Amino acid sequence: MNRAVIRAFSIGLLLATAIIGTVYYSQPHTLTKSQLNSELNDQGLVAIPKKEYEHLKEMSKRSKQPSSPSPAMSSQLKTVHIYRLVIKKGDVPAQFAKELEAAQIIPSAKAFMNYLEQHQLTHEIRIGTYEVRSDMSYENIGNIITGKTN
């Protein structure tokens, strides 16, 4: 074998590799359904059918349109109670849970106590003055009195 044959062979290999690479990378990459779902889950996204998307978009437009409350709706409006909760050193959760129930901030002191115990928040309650509202969830109130949110 002489140099010319070896050069021609290596140029052929190089040319063949370039053609195969070009064809491979120019083809659209397709994902299987499971690969697509995995990729979407990694990014915190969800795939829904186009029909459902259009329906949700239409519902969003409707909810953004201002409307005056009708007489029937005005009777259904909910009153929101606001209460200034003062937690002092030595106060026990059952004591201020009863205060919140009496002020109509929470429906049940016992249920609120159960929430605090289940989420291990009873030992994280901080001394202070907090403004709580009746439209807050147990989680929101718990986060406020433990200092997890402002």
N, C-alpha and C. Protein backbone atom coordinates (compact mmCIF):
# COMPACT_ATOMS: atom_id res chain seq x y z
N MET A 1 0.84 -1.18 0.00
CA MET A 1 0.00 0.00 0.00
C MET A 1 0.89 1.24 0.00
N ASN A 2 0.51 2.11 -0.85
CA ASN A 2 1.30 3.33 -0.89
C ASN A 2 0.51 4.48 -0.26
N ARG A 3 1.13 5.65 -0.18
CA ARG A 3 0.55 6.80 0.51
C ARG A 3 -0.74 7.27 -0.15
N ALA A 4 -0.81 7.25 -1.43
CA ALA A 4 -1.99 7.73 -2.14
C ALA A 4 -3.21 6.89 -1.80
N VAL A 5 -3.05 5.60 -1.69
CA VAL A 5 -4.17 4.72 -1.35
C VAL A 5 -4.64 4.98 0.08
N ILE A 6 -3.70 5.13 0.98
CA ILE A 6 -4.04 5.38 2.39
C ILE A 6 -4.74 6.73 2.53
N ARG A 7 -4.25 7.75 1.81
CA ARG A 7 -4.89 9.07 1.86
C ARG A 7 -6.31 9.00 1.30
N ALA A 8 -6.49 8.33 0.20
CA ALA A 8 -7.81 8.22 -0.41
C ALA A 8 -8.76 7.49 0.54
N PHE A 9 -8.29 6.43 1.19
CA PHE A 9 -9.10 5.69 2.14
C PHE A 9 -9.50 6.56 3.33
N SER A 10 -8.55 7.31 3.88
CA SER A 10 -8.85 8.16 5.04
C SER A 10 -9.77 9.32 4.65
N ILE A 11 -9.62 9.88 3.46
CA ILE A 11 -10.53 10.94 3.00
C ILE A 11 -11.93 10.36 2.83
N GLY A 12 -12.05 9.15 2.35
CA GLY A 12 -13.34 8.48 2.21
C GLY A 12 -14.01 8.28 3.56
N LEU A 13 -13.22 7.83 4.56
CA LEU A 13 -13.77 7.67 5.91
C LEU A 13 -14.24 9.01 6.47
N LEU A 14 -13.44 10.04 6.29
CA LEU A 14 -13.80 11.36 6.78
C LEU A 14 -15.06 11.88 6.10
N LEU A 15 -15.16 11.71 4.81
CA LEU A 15 -16.34 12.14 4.06
C LEU A 15 -17.58 11.36 4.48
N ALA A 16 -17.45 10.05 4.65
CA ALA A 16 -18.58 9.23 5.07
C ALA A 16 -19.06 9.63 6.47
N THR A 17 -18.13 9.91 7.39
CA THR A 17 -18.47 10.33 8.75
C THR A 17 -19.20 11.68 8.72
N ALA A 18 -18.73 12.59 7.88
CA ALA A 18 -19.37 13.91 7.77
C ALA A 18 -20.79 13.77 7.24
N ILE A 19 -21.01 12.92 6.25
CA ILE A 19 -22.35 12.74 5.68
C ILE A 19 -23.28 12.11 6.70
N ILE A 20 -22.82 11.05 7.38
CA ILE A 20 -23.66 10.39 8.39
C ILE A 20 -24.00 11.36 9.52
N GLY A 21 -23.01 12.15 9.98
CA GLY A 21 -23.25 13.12 11.05
C GLY A 21 -24.24 14.18 10.63
N THR A 22 -24.13 14.67 9.41
CA THR A 22 -25.05 15.69 8.92
C THR A 22 -26.48 15.15 8.85
N VAL A 23 -26.64 13.94 8.35
CA VAL A 23 -27.96 13.33 8.26
C VAL A 23 -28.54 13.10 9.66
N TYR A 24 -27.72 12.60 10.58
CA TYR A 24 -28.19 12.31 11.93
C TYR A 24 -28.66 13.58 12.64
N TYR A 25 -27.85 14.64 12.59
CA TYR A 25 -28.20 15.85 13.33
C TYR A 25 -29.22 16.73 12.61
N SER A 26 -29.48 16.50 11.35
CA SER A 26 -30.50 17.29 10.66
C SER A 26 -31.90 16.69 10.81
N GLN A 27 -31.99 15.44 11.25
CA GLN A 27 -33.29 14.80 11.46
C GLN A 27 -33.91 15.33 12.74
N PRO A 28 -35.23 15.58 12.75
CA PRO A 28 -35.87 16.03 14.00
C PRO A 28 -35.82 14.92 15.04
N HIS A 29 -35.49 15.32 16.26
CA HIS A 29 -35.41 14.37 17.36
C HIS A 29 -36.81 14.15 17.92
N THR A 30 -37.28 12.93 17.93
CA THR A 30 -38.61 12.64 18.44
C THR A 30 -38.50 11.98 19.80
N LEU A 31 -39.42 12.38 20.68
CA LEU A 31 -39.47 11.81 22.02
C LEU A 31 -40.66 10.87 22.12
N THR A 32 -40.49 9.83 22.91
CA THR A 32 -41.64 8.98 23.20
C THR A 32 -42.53 9.72 24.20
N LYS A 33 -43.73 9.24 24.38
CA LYS A 33 -44.67 9.89 25.30
C LYS A 33 -44.12 9.90 26.72
N SER A 34 -43.51 8.80 27.16
CA SER A 34 -42.96 8.74 28.52
C SER A 34 -41.77 9.69 28.67
N GLN A 35 -40.93 9.81 27.62
CA GLN A 35 -39.81 10.73 27.67
C GLN A 35 -40.31 12.18 27.74
N LEU A 36 -41.34 12.48 26.98
CA LEU A 36 -41.92 13.82 26.99
C LEU A 36 -42.50 14.16 28.36
N ASN A 37 -43.27 13.22 28.93
CA ASN A 37 -43.85 13.46 30.26
C ASN A 37 -42.76 13.63 31.31
N SER A 38 -41.71 12.84 31.22
CA SER A 38 -40.60 12.95 32.16
C SER A 38 -39.93 14.33 32.04
N GLU A 39 -39.71 14.76 30.82
CA GLU A 39 -39.09 16.06 30.56
C GLU A 39 -39.97 17.20 31.10
N LEU A 40 -41.28 17.10 30.87
CA LEU A 40 -42.20 18.12 31.38
C LEU A 40 -42.24 18.14 32.90
N ASN A 41 -42.26 16.96 33.53
CA ASN A 41 -42.26 16.88 34.99
C ASN A 41 -41.01 17.49 35.58
N ASP A 42 -39.87 17.28 34.94
CA ASP A 42 -38.61 17.86 35.42
C ASP A 42 -38.67 19.38 35.43
N GLN A 43 -39.41 19.95 34.48
CA GLN A 43 -39.51 21.40 34.38
C GLN A 43 -40.74 21.96 35.10
N GLY A 44 -41.51 21.08 35.75
CA GLY A 44 -42.70 21.53 36.48
C GLY A 44 -43.85 21.91 35.57
N LEU A 45 -43.93 21.31 34.39
CA LEU A 45 -44.98 21.62 33.44
C LEU A 45 -45.92 20.43 33.27
N VAL A 46 -47.08 20.70 32.71
CA VAL A 46 -48.08 19.66 32.49
C VAL A 46 -48.60 19.80 31.06
N ALA A 47 -48.79 18.68 30.38
CA ALA A 47 -49.36 18.69 29.03
C ALA A 47 -50.85 18.39 29.14
N ILE A 48 -51.65 19.22 28.46
CA ILE A 48 -53.09 18.99 28.43
C ILE A 48 -53.54 19.05 26.98
N PRO A 49 -54.67 18.42 26.67
CA PRO A 49 -55.19 18.48 25.30
C PRO A 49 -55.53 19.92 24.90
N LYS A 50 -55.42 20.21 23.61
CA LYS A 50 -55.66 21.56 23.11
C LYS A 50 -57.08 22.02 23.41
N LYS A 51 -58.04 21.10 23.32
CA LYS A 51 -59.44 21.44 23.59
C LYS A 51 -59.61 21.93 25.03
N GLU A 52 -58.95 21.23 25.97
CA GLU A 52 -59.03 21.62 27.38
C GLU A 52 -58.34 22.96 27.61
N TYR A 53 -57.20 23.17 26.92
CA TYR A 53 -56.49 24.44 27.02
C TYR A 53 -57.37 25.60 26.56
N GLU A 54 -58.04 25.42 25.42
CA GLU A 54 -58.93 26.46 24.90
C GLU A 54 -60.06 26.75 25.88
N HIS A 55 -60.61 25.70 26.49
CA HIS A 55 -61.69 25.86 27.47
C HIS A 55 -61.18 26.65 28.68
N LEU A 56 -60.01 26.32 29.18
CA LEU A 56 -59.46 27.03 30.34
C LEU A 56 -59.16 28.49 30.00
N LYS A 57 -58.70 28.73 28.78
CA LYS A 57 -58.41 30.09 28.34
C LYS A 57 -59.70 30.91 28.29
N GLU A 58 -60.76 30.30 27.79
CA GLU A 58 -62.06 30.98 27.71
C GLU A 58 -62.60 31.27 29.11
N MET A 59 -62.46 30.31 30.01
CA MET A 59 -62.93 30.50 31.40
C MET A 59 -62.14 31.62 32.07
N SER A 60 -60.85 31.70 31.78
CA SER A 60 -60.02 32.75 32.35
C SER A 60 -60.48 34.12 31.87
N LYS A 61 -60.81 34.23 30.59
CA LYS A 61 -61.30 35.50 30.05
C LYS A 61 -62.60 35.91 30.72
N ARG A 62 -63.47 34.93 30.92
CA ARG A 62 -64.77 35.23 31.55
C ARG A 62 -64.59 35.70 32.98
N SER A 63 -63.67 35.08 33.71
CA SER A 63 -63.49 35.45 35.11
C SER A 63 -62.84 36.82 35.26
N LYS A 64 -62.13 37.29 34.23
CA LYS A 64 -61.48 38.60 34.30
C LYS A 64 -62.42 39.74 33.98
N GLN A 65 -63.57 39.44 33.37
CA GLN A 65 -64.51 40.47 33.02
C GLN A 65 -65.17 41.01 34.29
N PRO A 66 -65.12 42.35 34.49
CA PRO A 66 -65.75 42.90 35.70
C PRO A 66 -67.27 42.78 35.61
N SER A 67 -67.83 42.45 36.72
CA SER A 67 -69.29 42.37 36.77
C SER A 67 -69.75 42.90 38.11
N SER A 68 -70.89 43.55 38.11
CA SER A 68 -71.42 44.05 39.36
C SER A 68 -72.17 42.92 40.04
N PRO A 69 -72.04 42.83 41.35
CA PRO A 69 -72.73 41.74 42.04
C PRO A 69 -74.25 41.90 41.96
N SER A 70 -74.90 40.82 41.65
CA SER A 70 -76.35 40.82 41.58
C SER A 70 -76.90 40.77 43.01
N PRO A 71 -78.18 41.08 43.20
CA PRO A 71 -78.76 41.01 44.54
C PRO A 71 -78.63 39.61 45.16
N ALA A 72 -78.71 38.57 44.33
CA ALA A 72 -78.58 37.22 44.85
C ALA A 72 -77.16 36.97 45.33
N MET A 73 -76.18 37.52 44.59
CA MET A 73 -74.78 37.32 44.97
C MET A 73 -74.43 38.14 46.20
N SER A 74 -74.98 39.32 46.33
CA SER A 74 -74.64 40.16 47.48
C SER A 74 -75.08 39.52 48.79
N SER A 75 -76.11 38.69 48.76
CA SER A 75 -76.52 38.00 49.97
C SER A 75 -75.58 36.85 50.30
N GLN A 76 -74.78 36.42 49.29
CA GLN A 76 -73.84 35.32 49.52
C GLN A 76 -72.45 35.81 49.88
N LEU A 77 -72.23 37.12 49.89
CA LEU A 77 -70.92 37.65 50.23
C LEU A 77 -70.57 37.26 51.65
N LYS A 78 -69.32 36.91 51.84
CA LYS A 78 -68.87 36.42 53.14
C LYS A 78 -68.23 37.55 53.94
N THR A 79 -68.58 37.65 55.20
CA THR A 79 -67.98 38.62 56.09
C THR A 79 -66.63 38.10 56.56
N VAL A 80 -65.62 38.95 56.47
CA VAL A 80 -64.28 38.57 56.92
C VAL A 80 -64.01 39.28 58.24
N HIS A 81 -63.73 38.49 59.26
CA HIS A 81 -63.42 39.03 60.58
C HIS A 81 -61.91 39.19 60.70
N ILE A 82 -61.48 40.29 61.31
CA ILE A 82 -60.06 40.55 61.55
C ILE A 82 -59.86 40.59 63.05
N TYR A 83 -58.78 39.93 63.51
CA TYR A 83 -58.54 39.86 64.95
C TYR A 83 -57.06 40.09 65.21
N ARG A 84 -56.77 40.86 66.23
CA ARG A 84 -55.39 41.09 66.62
C ARG A 84 -55.06 40.11 67.75
N LEU A 85 -54.29 39.11 67.41
CA LEU A 85 -53.92 38.06 68.35
C LEU A 85 -52.63 38.44 69.05
N VAL A 86 -52.67 38.46 70.38
CA VAL A 86 -51.48 38.76 71.18
C VAL A 86 -51.06 37.48 71.89
N ILE A 87 -49.85 37.02 71.58
CA ILE A 87 -49.32 35.82 72.23
C ILE A 87 -48.20 36.28 73.16
N LYS A 88 -48.40 36.00 74.46
CA LYS A 88 -47.42 36.40 75.47
C LYS A 88 -46.64 35.18 75.93
N LYS A 89 -45.56 35.43 76.60
CA LYS A 89 -44.75 34.34 77.14
C LYS A 89 -45.60 33.55 78.14
N GLY A 90 -45.59 32.25 77.98
CA GLY A 90 -46.35 31.38 78.85
C GLY A 90 -47.72 31.01 78.33
N ASP A 91 -48.19 31.68 77.26
CA ASP A 91 -49.48 31.32 76.66
C ASP A 91 -49.38 29.94 76.02
N VAL A 92 -50.42 29.17 76.17
CA VAL A 92 -50.46 27.85 75.55
C VAL A 92 -51.33 27.92 74.30
N PRO A 93 -51.02 27.09 73.30
CA PRO A 93 -51.77 27.13 72.05
C PRO A 93 -53.28 26.96 72.23
N ALA A 94 -53.70 26.12 73.16
CA ALA A 94 -55.14 25.90 73.37
C ALA A 94 -55.83 27.20 73.78
N GLN A 95 -55.13 28.03 74.54
CA GLN A 95 -55.70 29.30 75.02
C GLN A 95 -55.99 30.24 73.85
N PHE A 96 -55.00 30.46 72.99
CA PHE A 96 -55.27 31.41 71.89
C PHE A 96 -56.09 30.76 70.77
N ALA A 97 -56.12 29.44 70.69
CA ALA A 97 -57.01 28.78 69.72
C ALA A 97 -58.46 29.06 70.11
N LYS A 98 -58.76 29.03 71.42
CA LYS A 98 -60.11 29.35 71.88
C LYS A 98 -60.44 30.82 71.62
N GLU A 99 -59.44 31.71 71.76
CA GLU A 99 -59.65 33.12 71.46
C GLU A 99 -60.02 33.30 69.98
N LEU A 100 -59.30 32.60 69.12
CA LEU A 100 -59.57 32.70 67.68
C LEU A 100 -60.95 32.16 67.32
N GLU A 101 -61.35 31.09 68.00
CA GLU A 101 -62.68 30.54 67.75
C GLU A 101 -63.76 31.51 68.22
N ALA A 102 -63.55 32.12 69.39
CA ALA A 102 -64.53 33.08 69.92
C ALA A 102 -64.63 34.32 69.03
N ALA A 103 -63.52 34.70 68.39
CA ALA A 103 -63.51 35.87 67.51
C ALA A 103 -63.97 35.51 66.09
N GLN A 104 -64.40 34.28 65.88
CA GLN A 104 -64.89 33.78 64.60
C GLN A 104 -63.82 33.81 63.50
N ILE A 105 -62.57 33.62 63.90
CA ILE A 105 -61.47 33.56 62.94
C ILE A 105 -61.33 32.13 62.43
N ILE A 106 -61.49 31.17 63.33
CA ILE A 106 -61.44 29.75 62.96
C ILE A 106 -62.73 29.08 63.39
N PRO A 107 -63.16 28.05 62.66
CA PRO A 107 -64.41 27.39 63.04
C PRO A 107 -64.28 26.51 64.27
N SER A 108 -63.08 25.96 64.51
CA SER A 108 -62.93 25.03 65.62
C SER A 108 -61.55 25.13 66.24
N ALA A 109 -61.52 25.42 67.55
CA ALA A 109 -60.24 25.50 68.26
C ALA A 109 -59.58 24.13 68.28
N LYS A 110 -60.38 23.09 68.46
CA LYS A 110 -59.83 21.72 68.52
C LYS A 110 -59.20 21.33 67.18
N ALA A 111 -59.85 21.66 66.07
CA ALA A 111 -59.31 21.33 64.76
C ALA A 111 -58.01 22.11 64.52
N PHE A 112 -57.96 23.37 64.96
CA PHE A 112 -56.75 24.16 64.81
C PHE A 112 -55.61 23.58 65.64
N MET A 113 -55.94 23.16 66.86
CA MET A 113 -54.92 22.52 67.72
C MET A 113 -54.40 21.24 67.07
N ASN A 114 -55.31 20.44 66.50
CA ASN A 114 -54.90 19.22 65.81
C ASN A 114 -53.96 19.54 64.66
N TYR A 115 -54.27 20.60 63.91
CA TYR A 115 -53.41 21.01 62.79
C TYR A 115 -52.01 21.36 63.31
N LEU A 116 -51.95 22.17 64.37
CA LEU A 116 -50.66 22.59 64.92
C LEU A 116 -49.85 21.38 65.39
N GLU A 117 -50.52 20.43 66.04
CA GLU A 117 -49.82 19.25 66.55
C GLU A 117 -49.37 18.34 65.41
N GLN A 118 -50.22 18.12 64.41
CA GLN A 118 -49.87 17.25 63.29
C GLN A 118 -48.67 17.80 62.51
N HIS A 119 -48.59 19.11 62.41
CA HIS A 119 -47.49 19.72 61.66
C HIS A 119 -46.34 20.15 62.57
N GLN A 120 -46.38 19.73 63.80
CA GLN A 120 -45.33 19.98 64.79
C GLN A 120 -44.97 21.46 64.90
N LEU A 121 -46.01 22.28 65.03
CA LEU A 121 -45.81 23.72 65.11
C LEU A 121 -45.99 24.27 66.53
N THR A 122 -46.47 23.45 67.45
CA THR A 122 -46.77 23.94 68.79
C THR A 122 -45.53 24.47 69.53
N HIS A 123 -44.37 23.94 69.21
CA HIS A 123 -43.14 24.39 69.89
C HIS A 123 -42.43 25.49 69.11
N GLU A 124 -42.97 25.87 67.97
CA GLU A 124 -42.34 26.90 67.14
C GLU A 124 -43.09 28.23 67.22
N ILE A 125 -44.15 28.29 68.01
CA ILE A 125 -44.96 29.51 68.11
C ILE A 125 -44.15 30.60 68.79
N ARG A 126 -44.21 31.81 68.22
CA ARG A 126 -43.42 32.92 68.72
C ARG A 126 -44.29 33.95 69.43
N ILE A 127 -43.70 34.60 70.40
CA ILE A 127 -44.37 35.67 71.14
C ILE A 127 -44.54 36.85 70.19
N GLY A 128 -45.68 37.53 70.27
CA GLY A 128 -45.87 38.70 69.44
C GLY A 128 -47.33 39.04 69.23
N THR A 129 -47.56 40.09 68.44
CA THR A 129 -48.90 40.52 68.08
C THR A 129 -49.09 40.27 66.60
N TYR A 130 -50.16 39.56 66.27
CA TYR A 130 -50.40 39.16 64.89
C TYR A 130 -51.82 39.54 64.48
N GLU A 131 -51.96 39.98 63.25
CA GLU A 131 -53.29 40.28 62.71
C GLU A 131 -53.71 39.09 61.85
N VAL A 132 -54.80 38.45 62.24
CA VAL A 132 -55.29 37.28 61.50
C VAL A 132 -56.72 37.55 61.04
N ARG A 133 -57.09 36.90 59.94
CA ARG A 133 -58.42 37.11 59.36
C ARG A 133 -59.15 35.79 59.24
N SER A 134 -60.45 35.86 59.18
CA SER A 134 -61.26 34.64 59.10
C SER A 134 -61.17 33.97 57.74
N ASP A 135 -60.64 34.66 56.72
CA ASP A 135 -60.49 34.01 55.42
C ASP A 135 -59.14 33.30 55.27
N MET A 136 -58.37 33.26 56.35
CA MET A 136 -57.08 32.57 56.32
C MET A 136 -57.26 31.10 56.65
N SER A 137 -56.41 30.27 56.07
CA SER A 137 -56.44 28.84 56.37
C SER A 137 -55.64 28.58 57.64
N TYR A 138 -55.79 27.38 58.19
CA TYR A 138 -55.00 26.99 59.36
C TYR A 138 -53.51 27.10 59.03
N GLU A 139 -53.16 26.73 57.82
CA GLU A 139 -51.76 26.78 57.39
C GLU A 139 -51.24 28.21 57.43
N ASN A 140 -52.02 29.15 56.90
CA ASN A 140 -51.60 30.56 56.90
C ASN A 140 -51.43 31.09 58.31
N ILE A 141 -52.39 30.80 59.17
CA ILE A 141 -52.31 31.27 60.55
C ILE A 141 -51.12 30.63 61.25
N GLY A 142 -50.93 29.33 61.03
CA GLY A 142 -49.79 28.63 61.62
C GLY A 142 -48.47 29.22 61.17
N ASN A 143 -48.36 29.54 59.89
CA ASN A 143 -47.12 30.15 59.38
C ASN A 143 -46.88 31.52 59.98
N ILE A 144 -47.94 32.28 60.18
CA ILE A 144 -47.79 33.62 60.75
C ILE A 144 -47.32 33.55 62.19
N ILE A 145 -47.96 32.72 63.01
CA ILE A 145 -47.60 32.71 64.44
C ILE A 145 -46.29 31.98 64.71
N THR A 146 -45.77 31.25 63.75
CA THR A 146 -44.47 30.61 63.92
C THR A 146 -43.37 31.42 63.27
N GLY A 147 -43.74 32.51 62.60
CA GLY A 147 -42.74 33.37 61.99
C GLY A 147 -42.23 32.86 60.66
N LYS A 148 -42.93 31.91 60.06
CA LYS A 148 -42.48 31.37 58.76
C LYS A 148 -42.82 32.31 57.62
N THR A 149 -43.85 33.14 57.79
CA THR A 149 -44.18 34.19 56.81
C THR A 149 -44.57 35.43 57.57
N ASN A 150 -44.52 36.52 56.88
CA ASN A 150 -44.89 37.80 57.52
C ASN A 150 -46.35 38.08 57.39
